Protein backbone atom coordinates (compact mmCIF):
# COMPACT_ATOMS: atom_id res chain seq x y z
CA MET A 1 -58.71 -74.71 -99.11
CA ALA A 2 -61.87 -72.52 -98.75
CA ALA A 3 -61.53 -70.81 -102.42
CA GLN A 4 -61.90 -74.37 -103.56
CA VAL A 5 -64.72 -75.69 -101.65
CA ARG A 6 -68.25 -74.54 -101.81
CA LEU A 7 -71.15 -75.82 -99.78
CA ALA A 8 -74.29 -76.33 -101.92
CA ASN A 9 -76.73 -77.56 -99.74
CA VAL A 10 -77.33 -79.50 -96.40
CA ALA A 11 -80.20 -82.02 -96.41
CA GLU A 12 -81.06 -85.11 -94.32
CA GLY A 13 -77.84 -84.49 -92.49
CA THR A 14 -75.71 -84.68 -95.42
CA ALA A 15 -73.74 -81.82 -96.57
CA VAL A 16 -72.98 -81.47 -100.48
CA VAL A 17 -69.86 -79.94 -100.87
CA LEU A 18 -68.59 -78.56 -104.68
CA VAL A 19 -65.06 -78.87 -105.42
CA PRO A 20 -63.60 -78.00 -108.94
CA SER A 21 -61.79 -80.85 -109.78
CA PRO A 22 -61.50 -84.83 -109.33
CA ALA A 23 -58.19 -84.26 -107.65
CA TRP A 24 -59.85 -81.92 -105.03
CA LYS A 25 -62.65 -84.45 -104.74
CA ALA A 26 -60.11 -87.34 -103.84
CA ARG A 27 -57.97 -85.00 -101.49
CA LEU A 28 -60.81 -83.98 -99.46
CA ARG A 29 -62.53 -87.50 -99.61
CA LEU A 30 -59.42 -88.14 -97.18
CA ASP A 31 -60.49 -85.24 -95.06
CA THR A 32 -64.15 -85.82 -94.80
CA ALA A 33 -63.88 -85.72 -90.81
CA LEU A 34 -62.16 -82.29 -91.30
CA LEU A 35 -65.01 -81.09 -93.31
CA LEU A 36 -67.78 -82.68 -90.96
CA ALA A 37 -65.84 -80.78 -88.15
CA ALA A 38 -65.89 -77.31 -90.01
CA ALA A 39 -69.65 -77.80 -90.71
CA ASN A 40 -70.48 -78.52 -87.17
CA ALA A 41 -68.32 -75.68 -85.85
CA ALA A 42 -70.23 -73.50 -88.14
CA GLY A 43 -73.76 -74.64 -87.00
CA ILE A 44 -74.28 -76.92 -89.70
CA GLU A 45 -75.44 -80.43 -88.48
CA ALA A 46 -74.26 -82.87 -90.74
CA ARG A 47 -73.23 -86.35 -90.35
CA ALA A 48 -72.16 -87.01 -94.07
CA VAL A 49 -70.54 -85.31 -96.90
CA THR A 50 -71.00 -85.75 -100.36
CA LEU A 51 -68.29 -84.21 -102.90
CA LYS A 52 -69.59 -83.13 -106.26
CA VAL A 53 -66.99 -82.03 -109.02
CA VAL A 54 -68.30 -78.87 -110.76
CA PRO A 55 -65.42 -77.33 -112.81
CA PRO A 56 -65.40 -73.74 -112.74
CA THR A 57 -66.63 -71.52 -115.56
CA VAL A 58 -64.75 -69.59 -117.60
CA PRO A 59 -65.89 -66.50 -119.18
CA ALA A 60 -65.55 -66.27 -123.04
CA PRO A 61 -62.89 -63.91 -124.02
CA ASP A 62 -64.33 -60.54 -125.73
CA ARG A 63 -62.96 -60.50 -129.33
CA PRO A 64 -64.30 -58.89 -131.98
CA GLY A 65 -65.83 -60.92 -134.93
CA ALA A 66 -64.50 -61.03 -138.19
CA PRO A 67 -65.38 -58.50 -140.63
CA LEU A 68 -68.38 -59.35 -142.99
CA SER A 69 -67.69 -60.12 -146.48
CA ALA A 70 -68.60 -57.87 -149.30
CA GLY A 71 -71.10 -60.96 -150.13
CA ALA A 72 -72.32 -61.19 -146.52
CA ARG A 73 -73.05 -57.53 -146.23
CA ALA A 74 -74.89 -57.55 -149.55
CA VAL A 75 -76.98 -60.49 -148.47
CA LEU A 76 -78.05 -58.63 -145.34
CA GLU A 77 -79.12 -55.11 -147.32
CA ALA A 78 -81.05 -57.39 -149.79
CA ALA A 79 -82.62 -58.98 -146.89
CA ALA A 80 -83.59 -55.66 -145.23
CA ARG A 81 -85.03 -54.56 -148.50
CA SER A 82 -87.37 -57.34 -148.84
CA VAL A 83 -88.73 -57.11 -145.14
CA ALA A 84 -91.95 -55.31 -144.47
CA ASP A 85 -91.22 -54.60 -140.54
CA PRO A 86 -89.26 -51.53 -140.23
CA GLU A 87 -87.76 -52.72 -137.02
CA LEU A 88 -86.23 -55.84 -138.66
CA ARG A 89 -85.15 -54.02 -141.70
CA ALA A 90 -83.20 -51.26 -139.45
CA GLN A 91 -81.45 -53.99 -137.57
CA LEU A 92 -80.36 -55.87 -140.70
CA LEU A 93 -78.90 -52.84 -141.89
CA ARG A 94 -77.42 -51.81 -138.49
CA LEU A 95 -75.84 -55.51 -138.74
CA ALA A 96 -74.57 -54.98 -142.08
CA ALA A 97 -73.11 -51.60 -141.44
CA SER A 98 -71.24 -52.95 -138.39
CA GLY A 99 -69.51 -55.34 -140.61
CA ARG A 100 -67.83 -52.79 -142.86
CA THR A 101 -64.01 -52.14 -142.12
CA ARG A 102 -62.92 -48.80 -141.02
């Protein structure tokens, strides 16, 4: 259970507990007395519990982007030629070059 439950805050005698799903919220709603006892044993003075569902975040998978088309590469190179800022020109040219197939 400890891996699924996080104490977020304690204010005015209410412990705010984060759970990953509505199913966990329903399950822990029935075990509120157990949560309060555990909080009190840990030195947290809580008289009530508020359960909030916060789904876990899943990092986006690292995956290479699709290669640039010849047209997109040409547009980036043309944009690089048209700008006066040398840093922006260099970035656009790097972007155009990064899309080349090897």
